[in-house]
């Protein structure tokens, strides 16, 4: 794919919940704080200067992936995996937090994740027939009624909005990574590469990430492959020890999203705080495929409304050094 993607292609990444369906912010429980003794695992990174963004012709110019530039970051810490169902369940047990999907009453699920009856009964997202608005789908029931995370404690938590992720961060004594921190960590020390391990998606025919398996998205998936997230620590980690920074689930970042990010933010510790109604996401998901969306690349960007949720969006924690 060598042309800039038309704006409507962004919707392949994840659907956006209408603004009038946004839930009122949940009241913060009295114990919305980091629970003493709760285990947080960090990778300490030294920061420094690196080349962020890309001028790759396979990218999406309309997303603001470039121009590539040198960026400098102070030291920081980042989690090796996205937040898991098990970790999010601890947060909910401690705080009794109710996610936006639960308060609104539905979330979006990719059609091929659903049993036939539910797929046929659930309303398609406007203009996106491969997404279904499934009643009662939420982090505990990722594919709606009849599904549960009991057997998936190590999978990424999904159906969490940016607002939900912020609430978790407040409890955990952490924060979301900036886009710059995320990309620096995702590159794993490799300068100018498309992916966390190099340039080839499947070097020597080996799968390195969870992306769409099949001839073309969103047609029927390849035989034997079920669309959906895999465990948060699946596949080999990158050079810094991070898992699944390419594919699996999109990861919320701290920044507001603007296509002119690389031209408008500083070279020192960039963070886009200009309000836009959209929040940045990084990493791609199990739905990415070269035939439609190759945003599993480490320089790729996408966005969604902060109250939106779907079966392919999660998040990863970061923190200041020390």
Protein backbone atom coordinates (compact mmCIF):
# COMPACT_ATOMS: atom_id res chain seq x y z
CA UNK A 1 0.00 0.00 0.00
CA UNK A 2 1.83 3.11 -1.22
CA UNK A 3 -0.78 5.86 -1.23
CA UNK A 4 -1.92 7.90 1.75
CA UNK A 5 -4.92 6.21 3.27
CA UNK A 6 -8.26 7.94 2.88
CA UNK A 7 -9.74 9.13 6.18
CA UNK A 8 -12.41 6.43 6.31
CA UNK A 9 -9.77 3.72 6.50
CA UNK A 10 -8.99 4.71 10.08
CA UNK A 11 -12.28 3.05 11.05
CA UNK A 12 -10.89 -0.40 10.27
CA UNK A 13 -8.79 -0.11 13.41
CA UNK A 14 -11.67 0.21 15.87
CA UNK A 15 -15.14 1.78 15.75
CA UNK A 16 -15.94 5.04 17.50
CA UNK A 17 -18.86 5.22 19.88
CA UNK A 18 -21.17 8.16 19.08
CA UNK A 19 -20.59 11.19 21.28
CA UNK A 20 -24.17 11.14 22.53
CA UNK A 21 -23.60 7.63 23.90
CA UNK A 22 -20.75 8.70 26.15
CA UNK A 23 -21.18 7.71 29.76
CA UNK A 24 -20.93 10.21 32.56
CA UNK A 25 -17.59 9.80 34.35
CA UNK A 26 -17.79 7.31 37.17
CA UNK A 27 -17.41 8.66 40.66
CA UNK A 28 -13.97 7.69 41.93
CA UNK A 29 -14.30 5.19 44.80
CA UNK A 30 -12.75 6.17 48.09
CA UNK A 31 -9.96 3.63 47.65
CA UNK A 32 -9.01 4.65 44.09
CA UNK A 33 -5.32 4.37 44.79
CA UNK A 34 -2.52 1.88 44.39
CA UNK A 35 -3.21 -1.09 46.66
CA UNK A 36 -0.27 -1.70 49.04
CA UNK A 37 1.72 -4.68 47.88
CA UNK A 38 0.10 -4.94 44.45
CA UNK A 39 2.78 -6.23 42.07
CA UNK A 40 3.84 -3.90 39.26
CA UNK A 41 6.60 -5.09 36.94
CA UNK A 42 8.67 -2.46 35.19
CA UNK A 43 11.33 -2.24 32.53
CA UNK A 44 13.59 0.71 33.27
CA UNK A 45 14.70 2.49 30.11
CA UNK A 46 17.49 5.06 29.95
CA UNK A 47 15.85 7.38 27.46
CA UNK A 48 18.06 9.46 25.23
CA UNK A 49 17.83 10.41 21.57
CA UNK A 50 16.18 8.27 18.90
CA UNK A 51 14.59 8.66 15.46
CA UNK A 52 10.82 8.80 15.87
CA UNK A 53 8.27 8.53 13.08
CA UNK A 54 8.73 7.41 9.51
CA UNK A 55 8.79 8.60 5.92
CA UNK A 56 8.08 5.04 4.74
CA UNK A 57 5.88 4.97 1.62
CA UNK A 58 4.01 2.02 3.13
CA UNK A 59 2.77 4.29 5.91
CA UNK A 60 -0.30 6.50 6.17
CA UNK A 61 0.64 10.14 5.63
CA UNK A 62 -2.84 11.27 6.69
CA UNK A 63 -2.19 9.80 10.15
CA UNK A 64 0.83 12.02 10.65
CA UNK A 65 3.42 9.25 10.86
CA UNK A 66 6.15 11.68 9.85
CA UNK A 67 8.30 13.42 9.06
CA UNK A 68 10.81 11.27 10.88
CA UNK A 69 12.79 13.31 13.40
CA UNK A 70 15.19 13.03 16.32
CA UNK A 71 13.47 13.06 19.70
CA UNK A 72 15.02 13.02 23.17
CA UNK A 73 13.42 11.43 26.22
CA UNK A 74 14.38 11.35 29.89
CA UNK A 75 14.61 7.96 31.61
CA UNK A 76 11.26 6.27 32.31
CA UNK A 77 9.72 2.92 33.14
CA UNK A 78 7.25 0.87 31.12
CA UNK A 79 5.42 -2.41 31.64
CA UNK A 80 6.56 -5.45 29.63
CA UNK A 81 2.95 -6.35 28.73
CA UNK A 82 -0.41 -4.73 28.41
CA UNK A 83 -2.62 -4.81 31.49
CA UNK A 84 -4.17 -8.29 31.75
CA UNK A 85 -7.64 -9.47 32.68
CA UNK A 86 -6.24 -10.73 35.99
CA UNK A 87 -4.72 -7.35 36.87
CA UNK A 88 -7.84 -5.44 35.83
CA UNK A 89 -10.01 -7.79 37.91
CA UNK A 90 -7.90 -6.92 40.97
CA UNK A 91 -8.53 -3.24 40.28
CA UNK A 92 -12.27 -3.80 39.98
CA UNK A 93 -12.42 -5.92 43.13
CA UNK A 94 -10.55 -3.28 45.09
CA UNK A 95 -12.36 -0.18 43.82
CA UNK A 96 -15.71 -1.51 42.51
CA UNK A 97 -15.04 0.50 39.40
CA UNK A 98 -17.59 0.16 36.60
CA UNK A 99 -16.26 0.64 33.07
CA UNK A 100 -17.88 2.88 30.50
CA UNK A 101 -18.95 -0.09 28.39
CA UNK A 102 -20.80 -1.51 31.39
CA UNK A 103 -22.48 1.80 32.18
CA UNK A 104 -23.46 2.46 28.56
CA UNK A 105 -24.65 -1.13 28.12
CA UNK A 106 -22.75 -2.23 25.02
CA UNK A 107 -19.37 -2.33 23.33
CA UNK A 108 -18.09 -3.20 19.86
CA UNK A 109 -16.99 -6.72 18.94
CA UNK A 110 -15.49 -7.85 15.65
CA UNK A 111 -18.11 -9.94 13.87
CA UNK A 112 -15.97 -13.07 13.38
CA UNK A 113 -15.39 -13.27 17.13
CA UNK A 114 -19.11 -13.86 17.70
CA UNK A 115 -21.22 -17.02 17.48
CA UNK A 116 -23.49 -16.96 14.45
CA UNK A 117 -26.72 -16.21 16.31
CA UNK A 118 -25.27 -13.27 18.19
CA UNK A 119 -23.51 -11.97 15.09
CA UNK A 120 -26.82 -11.90 13.24
CA UNK A 121 -28.73 -10.33 16.13
CA UNK A 122 -26.29 -7.53 17.00
CA UNK A 123 -26.51 -4.24 15.12
CA UNK A 124 -23.60 -3.40 12.79
CA UNK A 125 -21.64 -0.28 13.57
CA UNK A 126 -22.66 2.50 11.12
CA UNK A 127 -20.68 2.06 7.92
CA UNK A 128 -18.61 -0.76 9.46
CA UNK A 129 -20.46 -4.05 9.01
CA UNK A 130 -17.57 -6.12 10.38
CA UNK A 131 -18.13 -4.52 13.80
CA UNK A 132 -21.18 -5.28 15.96
CA UNK A 133 -22.57 -3.27 18.85
CA UNK A 134 -23.08 -6.13 21.32
CA UNK A 135 -25.24 -5.54 24.36
CA UNK A 136 -23.51 -6.37 27.65
CA UNK A 137 -20.12 -6.86 25.95
CA UNK A 138 -17.48 -5.53 28.34
CA UNK A 139 -14.10 -6.43 29.81
CA UNK A 140 -15.60 -9.39 31.72
CA UNK A 141 -17.59 -10.62 28.70
CA UNK A 142 -15.36 -9.83 25.70
CA UNK A 143 -17.69 -11.45 23.17
CA UNK A 144 -20.89 -10.53 24.98
CA UNK A 145 -23.30 -12.81 26.85
CA UNK A 146 -22.00 -16.35 27.24
CA UNK A 147 -18.32 -15.35 27.15
CA UNK A 148 -16.07 -14.72 30.13
CA UNK A 149 -12.44 -14.00 30.99
CA UNK A 150 -12.15 -16.77 33.63
CA UNK A 151 -10.10 -18.92 31.26
CA UNK A 152 -8.10 -15.91 29.96
CA UNK A 153 -6.45 -14.31 33.00
CA UNK A 154 -3.23 -13.59 31.08
CA UNK A 155 -4.89 -12.08 28.02
CA UNK A 156 -4.97 -8.31 27.54
CA UNK A 157 -7.98 -6.62 29.08
CA UNK A 158 -10.13 -5.14 26.29
CA UNK A 159 -13.32 -3.08 26.06
CA UNK A 160 -11.62 -0.43 28.17
CA UNK A 161 -11.93 3.22 27.17
CA UNK A 162 -9.17 5.79 27.53
CA UNK A 163 -11.09 7.09 30.54
CA UNK A 164 -11.15 3.59 32.08
CA UNK A 165 -7.40 3.28 31.50
CA UNK A 166 -6.86 6.60 33.27
CA UNK A 167 -8.85 5.35 36.27
CA UNK A 168 -6.70 2.21 36.43
CA UNK A 169 -3.53 4.31 36.23
CA UNK A 170 -4.71 6.48 39.14
CA UNK A 171 -5.24 3.36 41.24
CA UNK A 172 -1.95 1.76 40.23
CA UNK A 173 0.16 4.86 40.82
CA UNK A 174 1.16 4.85 37.16
CA UNK A 175 0.24 6.59 33.92
CA UNK A 176 -0.15 5.94 30.22
CA UNK A 177 2.98 6.26 28.09
CA UNK A 178 3.34 9.21 25.77
CA UNK A 179 3.48 8.34 22.08
CA UNK A 180 7.19 9.10 22.10
CA UNK A 181 7.83 6.83 25.08
CA UNK A 182 5.72 4.11 23.51
CA UNK A 183 7.59 4.21 20.20
CA UNK A 184 11.02 4.37 21.84
CA UNK A 185 10.15 1.32 23.95
CA UNK A 186 8.50 -0.54 21.05
CA UNK A 187 11.57 -0.14 18.85
CA UNK A 188 13.63 -2.03 21.40
CA UNK A 189 16.81 -0.23 20.41
CA UNK A 190 16.42 -0.81 16.66
CA UNK A 191 16.75 2.43 14.70
CA UNK A 192 14.71 2.95 11.54
CA UNK A 193 13.05 -0.48 11.47
CA UNK A 194 9.43 -1.04 10.53
CA UNK A 195 8.75 -3.61 13.26
CA UNK A 196 9.99 -4.44 16.74
CA UNK A 197 12.34 -7.15 15.38
CA UNK A 198 13.28 -5.79 11.96
CA UNK A 199 11.61 -5.10 8.63
CA UNK A 200 10.07 -8.43 7.56
CA UNK A 201 6.68 -9.34 9.03
CA UNK A 202 7.47 -13.07 8.99
CA UNK A 203 11.26 -13.56 8.84
CA UNK A 204 12.00 -17.09 7.59
CA UNK A 205 8.24 -17.75 7.66
CA UNK A 206 8.02 -17.34 11.44
CA UNK A 207 5.06 -15.54 12.97
CA UNK A 208 6.27 -12.87 15.38
CA UNK A 209 2.96 -11.17 16.21
CA UNK A 210 -0.81 -11.60 16.26
CA UNK A 211 -2.20 -9.95 13.14
CA UNK A 212 -4.95 -10.93 10.70
CA UNK A 213 -4.53 -14.41 9.25
CA UNK A 214 -6.23 -14.84 5.91
CA UNK A 215 -6.14 -13.59 2.35
CA UNK A 216 -7.78 -10.24 2.98
CA UNK A 217 -9.43 -8.35 5.80
CA UNK A 218 -12.35 -8.52 6.69
CA UNK A 219 -13.20 -11.68 4.76
CA UNK A 220 -13.31 -15.08 6.44
CA UNK A 221 -10.22 -15.72 8.57
CA UNK A 222 -7.77 -18.45 7.66
CA UNK A 223 -8.81 -21.99 8.62
CA UNK A 224 -7.70 -22.84 12.15
CA UNK A 225 -7.21 -19.22 13.20
CA UNK A 226 -9.73 -17.49 15.46
CA UNK A 227 -9.62 -13.68 15.45
CA UNK A 228 -8.98 -12.28 18.90
CA UNK A 229 -6.23 -11.41 21.34
CA UNK A 230 -3.61 -13.93 22.43
CA UNK A 231 -1.93 -13.89 25.87
CA UNK A 232 -0.20 -10.61 26.69
CA UNK A 233 3.20 -12.34 26.82
CA UNK A 234 2.81 -14.39 23.64
CA UNK A 235 5.67 -14.43 21.12
CA UNK A 236 9.23 -13.32 21.82
CA UNK A 237 9.82 -9.92 23.43
CA UNK A 238 11.64 -7.12 21.66
CA UNK A 239 15.15 -5.94 22.49
CA UNK A 240 13.97 -4.09 25.59
CA UNK A 241 11.80 -6.96 26.85
CA UNK A 242 8.38 -5.68 25.74
CA UNK A 243 5.80 -8.15 24.43
CA UNK A 244 3.27 -7.64 21.63
CA UNK A 245 4.01 -4.08 20.65
CA UNK A 246 3.04 -5.12 17.10
CA UNK A 247 -0.48 -6.46 16.73
CA UNK A 248 -2.69 -8.18 19.33
CA UNK A 249 -4.48 -5.12 20.79
CA UNK A 250 -4.27 -1.38 20.30
CA UNK A 251 -2.74 0.47 23.24
CA UNK A 252 -4.00 3.82 24.50
CA UNK A 253 -1.38 6.55 24.89
CA UNK A 254 -1.47 9.75 26.92
CA UNK A 255 -1.47 12.14 23.96
CA UNK A 256 -4.36 13.84 22.28
CA UNK A 257 -4.31 12.89 18.59
CA UNK A 258 -3.45 15.37 15.82
CA UNK A 259 -2.17 14.52 12.33
CA UNK A 260 0.48 17.26 12.64
CA UNK A 261 1.98 15.68 15.77
CA UNK A 262 5.54 15.51 14.42
CA UNK A 263 5.49 19.13 13.25
CA UNK A 264 3.75 20.63 16.30
CA UNK A 265 5.31 18.91 19.31
CA UNK A 266 8.78 19.62 20.70
CA UNK A 267 11.80 17.40 20.17
CA UNK A 268 12.38 17.17 23.92
CA UNK A 269 9.92 14.80 25.65
CA UNK A 270 7.04 15.47 23.23
CA UNK A 271 3.50 15.17 24.51
CA UNK A 272 0.51 16.47 22.54
CA UNK A 273 -1.83 18.19 24.99
CA UNK A 274 -3.89 20.12 22.42
CA UNK A 275 -7.51 19.09 22.77
CA UNK A 276 -8.92 17.24 19.78
CA UNK A 277 -11.65 14.94 21.07
CA UNK A 278 -9.44 11.98 20.12
CA UNK A 279 -6.73 10.07 21.98
CA UNK A 280 -3.78 8.34 20.37
CA UNK A 281 -3.44 4.57 20.08
CA UNK A 282 -0.37 2.60 19.09
CA UNK A 283 0.63 -0.92 18.09
CA UNK A 284 -2.14 -2.21 15.84
CA UNK A 285 -4.24 -5.26 16.64
CA UNK A 286 -5.18 -8.75 15.55
CA UNK A 287 -7.19 -7.14 12.72
CA UNK A 288 -4.24 -5.49 10.96
CA UNK A 289 -3.38 -6.80 7.51
CA UNK A 290 -1.39 -5.43 4.57
CA UNK A 291 -4.47 -5.63 2.35
CA UNK A 292 -6.24 -2.96 4.39
CA UNK A 293 -4.35 -1.65 7.41
CA UNK A 294 -0.68 -2.24 8.19
CA UNK A 295 -0.69 -0.18 11.37
CA UNK A 296 1.16 -2.90 13.26
CA UNK A 297 4.34 -0.98 12.32
CA UNK A 298 6.06 0.72 15.28
CA UNK A 299 5.76 4.21 13.75
CA UNK A 300 2.08 3.83 12.86
CA UNK A 301 -0.56 5.86 14.68
CA UNK A 302 -4.29 5.72 15.13
CA UNK A 303 -6.88 7.26 17.42
CA UNK A 304 -10.30 6.95 18.94
CA UNK A 305 -12.64 8.93 21.15
CA UNK A 306 -11.73 8.64 24.85
CA UNK A 307 -15.11 7.07 25.70
CA UNK A 308 -14.92 4.39 22.97
CA UNK A 309 -14.20 0.72 23.56
CA UNK A 310 -13.94 -2.43 21.50
CA UNK A 311 -12.61 -5.98 21.52
CA UNK A 312 -9.21 -4.91 20.18
CA UNK A 313 -8.24 -2.00 22.47
CA UNK A 314 -6.23 -2.32 25.68
CA UNK A 315 -3.43 -0.37 27.38
CA UNK A 316 0.05 -0.57 28.90
CA UNK A 317 1.39 1.23 31.97
CA UNK A 318 4.31 3.63 32.20
CA UNK A 319 5.87 5.67 35.01
CA UNK A 320 8.59 8.20 35.59
CA UNK A 321 12.06 6.88 36.37
CA UNK A 322 12.72 5.77 39.91
